[in-house]
C-alpha atoms as a PDB file:
ATOM      1  CA  UNK A   1       9.159 122.570  29.329  1.00  0.00           C
ATOM      2  CA  UNK A   2       7.288 122.181  32.624  1.00  0.00           C
ATOM      3  CA  UNK A   3       3.589 123.003  32.372  1.00  0.00           C
ATOM      4  CA  UNK A   4       3.544 124.963  35.631  1.00  0.00           C
ATOM      5  CA  UNK A   5       5.755 127.602  34.001  1.00  0.00           C
ATOM      6  CA  UNK A   6       2.712 128.823  32.057  1.00  0.00           C
ATOM      7  CA  UNK A   7       0.775 129.366  35.277  1.00  0.00           C
ATOM      8  CA  UNK A   8       3.674 131.333  36.734  1.00  0.00           C
ATOM      9  CA  UNK A   9       3.886 133.701  33.761  1.00  0.00           C
ATOM     10  CA  UNK A  10       2.362 137.133  33.595  1.00  0.00           C
ATOM     11  CA  UNK A  11      -0.734 137.218  31.340  1.00  0.00           C
ATOM     12  CA  UNK A  12       1.610 138.037  28.440  1.00  0.00           C
ATOM     13  CA  UNK A  13       5.156 136.722  28.589  1.00  0.00           C
ATOM     14  CA  UNK A  14       7.981 135.094  26.675  1.00  0.00           C
ATOM     15  CA  UNK A  15       9.815 131.928  27.698  1.00  0.00           C
ATOM     16  CA  UNK A  16      13.225 131.240  26.153  1.00  0.00           C
ATOM     17  CA  UNK A  17      14.814 127.811  26.617  1.00  0.00           C
ATOM     18  CA  UNK A  18      18.175 126.546  25.357  1.00  0.00           C
ATOM     19  CA  UNK A  19      17.933 123.367  23.280  1.00  0.00           C
ATOM     20  CA  UNK A  20      20.498 120.581  23.204  1.00  0.00           C
ATOM     21  CA  UNK A  21      21.388 118.688  20.032  1.00  0.00           C
ATOM     22  CA  UNK A  22      23.663 115.790  19.162  1.00  0.00           C
ATOM     23  CA  UNK A  23      26.034 118.209  17.432  1.00  0.00           C
ATOM     24  CA  UNK A  24      28.041 119.821  20.255  1.00  0.00           C
ATOM     25  CA  UNK A  25      28.546 123.145  18.481  1.00  0.00           C
ATOM     26  CA  UNK A  26      24.906 123.590  17.454  1.00  0.00           C
ATOM     27  CA  UNK A  27      23.269 126.393  19.452  1.00  0.00           C
ATOM     28  CA  UNK A  28      19.498 126.867  19.473  1.00  0.00           C
ATOM     29  CA  UNK A  29      16.782 128.368  21.631  1.00  0.00           C
ATOM     30  CA  UNK A  30      13.061 127.743  21.857  1.00  0.00           C
ATOM     31  CA  UNK A  31      10.982 130.922  22.095  1.00  0.00           C
ATOM     32  CA  UNK A  32       7.464 130.465  23.484  1.00  0.00           C
ATOM     33  CA  UNK A  33       5.088 133.419  23.363  1.00  0.00           C
ATOM     34  CA  UNK A  34       2.526 133.200  26.178  1.00  0.00           C
ATOM     35  CA  UNK A  35      -0.853 134.957  26.062  1.00  0.00           C
ATOM     36  CA  UNK A  36      -3.296 134.580  28.952  1.00  0.00           C
ATOM     37  CA  UNK A  37      -1.087 131.868  30.441  1.00  0.00           C
ATOM     38  CA  UNK A  38      -1.412 129.681  27.322  1.00  0.00           C
ATOM     39  CA  UNK A  39       1.041 129.017  24.508  1.00  0.00           C
ATOM     40  CA  UNK A  40       0.238 131.476  21.721  1.00  0.00           C
ATOM     41  CA  UNK A  41       3.141 130.758  19.375  1.00  0.00           C
ATOM     42  CA  UNK A  42       6.501 129.034  19.244  1.00  0.00           C
ATOM     43  CA  UNK A  43       9.639 129.378  17.191  1.00  0.00           C
ATOM     44  CA  UNK A  44      13.227 128.234  17.253  1.00  0.00           C
ATOM     45  CA  UNK A  45      16.239 130.482  16.811  1.00  0.00           C
ATOM     46  CA  UNK A  46      19.264 128.466  15.846  1.00  0.00           C
ATOM     47  CA  UNK A  47      22.862 128.820  14.809  1.00  0.00           C
ATOM     48  CA  UNK A  48      23.799 127.696  11.307  1.00  0.00           C
ATOM     49  CA  UNK A  49      27.395 126.886  12.106  1.00  0.00           C
ATOM     50  CA  UNK A  50      29.750 126.707  15.048  1.00  0.00           C
ATOM     51  CA  UNK A  51      31.913 129.693  14.137  1.00  0.00           C
ATOM     52  CA  UNK A  52      31.329 132.267  16.919  1.00  0.00           C
ATOM     53  CA  UNK A  53      32.840 135.153  14.927  1.00  0.00           C
ATOM     54  CA  UNK A  54      30.847 134.717  11.737  1.00  0.00           C
ATOM     55  CA  UNK A  55      27.808 132.876  12.930  1.00  0.00           C
ATOM     56  CA  UNK A  56      24.483 133.244  11.208  1.00  0.00           C
ATOM     57  CA  UNK A  57      21.148 132.344  12.708  1.00  0.00           C
ATOM     58  CA  UNK A  58      17.911 130.941  11.296  1.00  0.00           C
ATOM     59  CA  UNK A  59      14.394 130.862  12.662  1.00  0.00           C
ATOM     60  CA  UNK A  60      11.836 128.118  12.286  1.00  0.00           C
ATOM     61  CA  UNK A  61       8.192 128.332  13.306  1.00  0.00           C
ATOM     62  CA  UNK A  62       7.551 124.633  12.608  1.00  0.00           C
ATOM     63  CA  UNK A  63       7.692 123.682  16.289  1.00  0.00           C
ATOM     64  CA  UNK A  64       5.158 121.560  18.140  1.00  0.00           C
ATOM     65  CA  UNK A  65       4.596 121.359  21.883  1.00  0.00           C
ATOM     66  CA  UNK A  66       2.862 118.184  22.985  1.00  0.00           C
ATOM     67  CA  UNK A  67       1.849 117.259  26.535  1.00  0.00           C
ATOM     68  CA  UNK A  68       4.116 114.599  28.027  1.00  0.00           C
ATOM     69  CA  UNK A  69       2.684 111.228  28.968  1.00  0.00           C
ATOM     70  CA  UNK A  70       2.677 112.110  32.645  1.00  0.00           C
ATOM     71  CA  UNK A  71       0.942 115.482  31.942  1.00  0.00           C
ATOM     72  CA  UNK A  72       3.663 117.318  33.833  1.00  0.00           C
ATOM     73  CA  UNK A  73       5.001 119.315  30.916  1.00  0.00           C
ATOM     74  CA  UNK A  74       5.485 119.564  27.187  1.00  0.00           C
ATOM     75  CA  UNK A  75       7.719 117.747  24.737  1.00  0.00           C
ATOM     76  CA  UNK A  76       9.257 119.919  22.033  1.00  0.00           C
ATOM     77  CA  UNK A  77       9.183 118.482  18.505  1.00  0.00           C
ATOM     78  CA  UNK A  78      11.091 120.305  15.783  1.00  0.00           C
ATOM     79  CA  UNK A  79      11.227 119.407  12.106  1.00  0.00           C
ATOM     80  CA  UNK A  80      14.903 120.118  11.524  1.00  0.00           C
ATOM     81  CA  UNK A  81      15.012 118.579   8.037  1.00  0.00           C
ATOM     82  CA  UNK A  82      15.205 122.080   6.554  1.00  0.00           C
ATOM     83  CA  UNK A  83      18.237 123.115   8.636  1.00  0.00           C
ATOM     84  CA  UNK A  84      20.969 123.447   6.103  1.00  0.00           C
ATOM     85  CA  UNK A  85      24.293 125.191   6.240  1.00  0.00           C
ATOM     86  CA  UNK A  86      24.421 128.183   3.943  1.00  0.00           C
END
């Protein structure tokens, strides 16, 4: 996520980004809540399975945004060890 996006947001905003995984049918989005042009909270909304008719979604707030080495954005780190199919 580019850092300059925060500066372009309204004082309160939401940023939603699609995430890409190794599993081609896995669908997930990063939701970043912005308050005063700073990250206030993050969560991931993800699809449990690849069935579009009967899909179920999960949310996970265990998401970390860390500045990249070149200070031009943030790296998203997600602990997906608790993502299980139900």
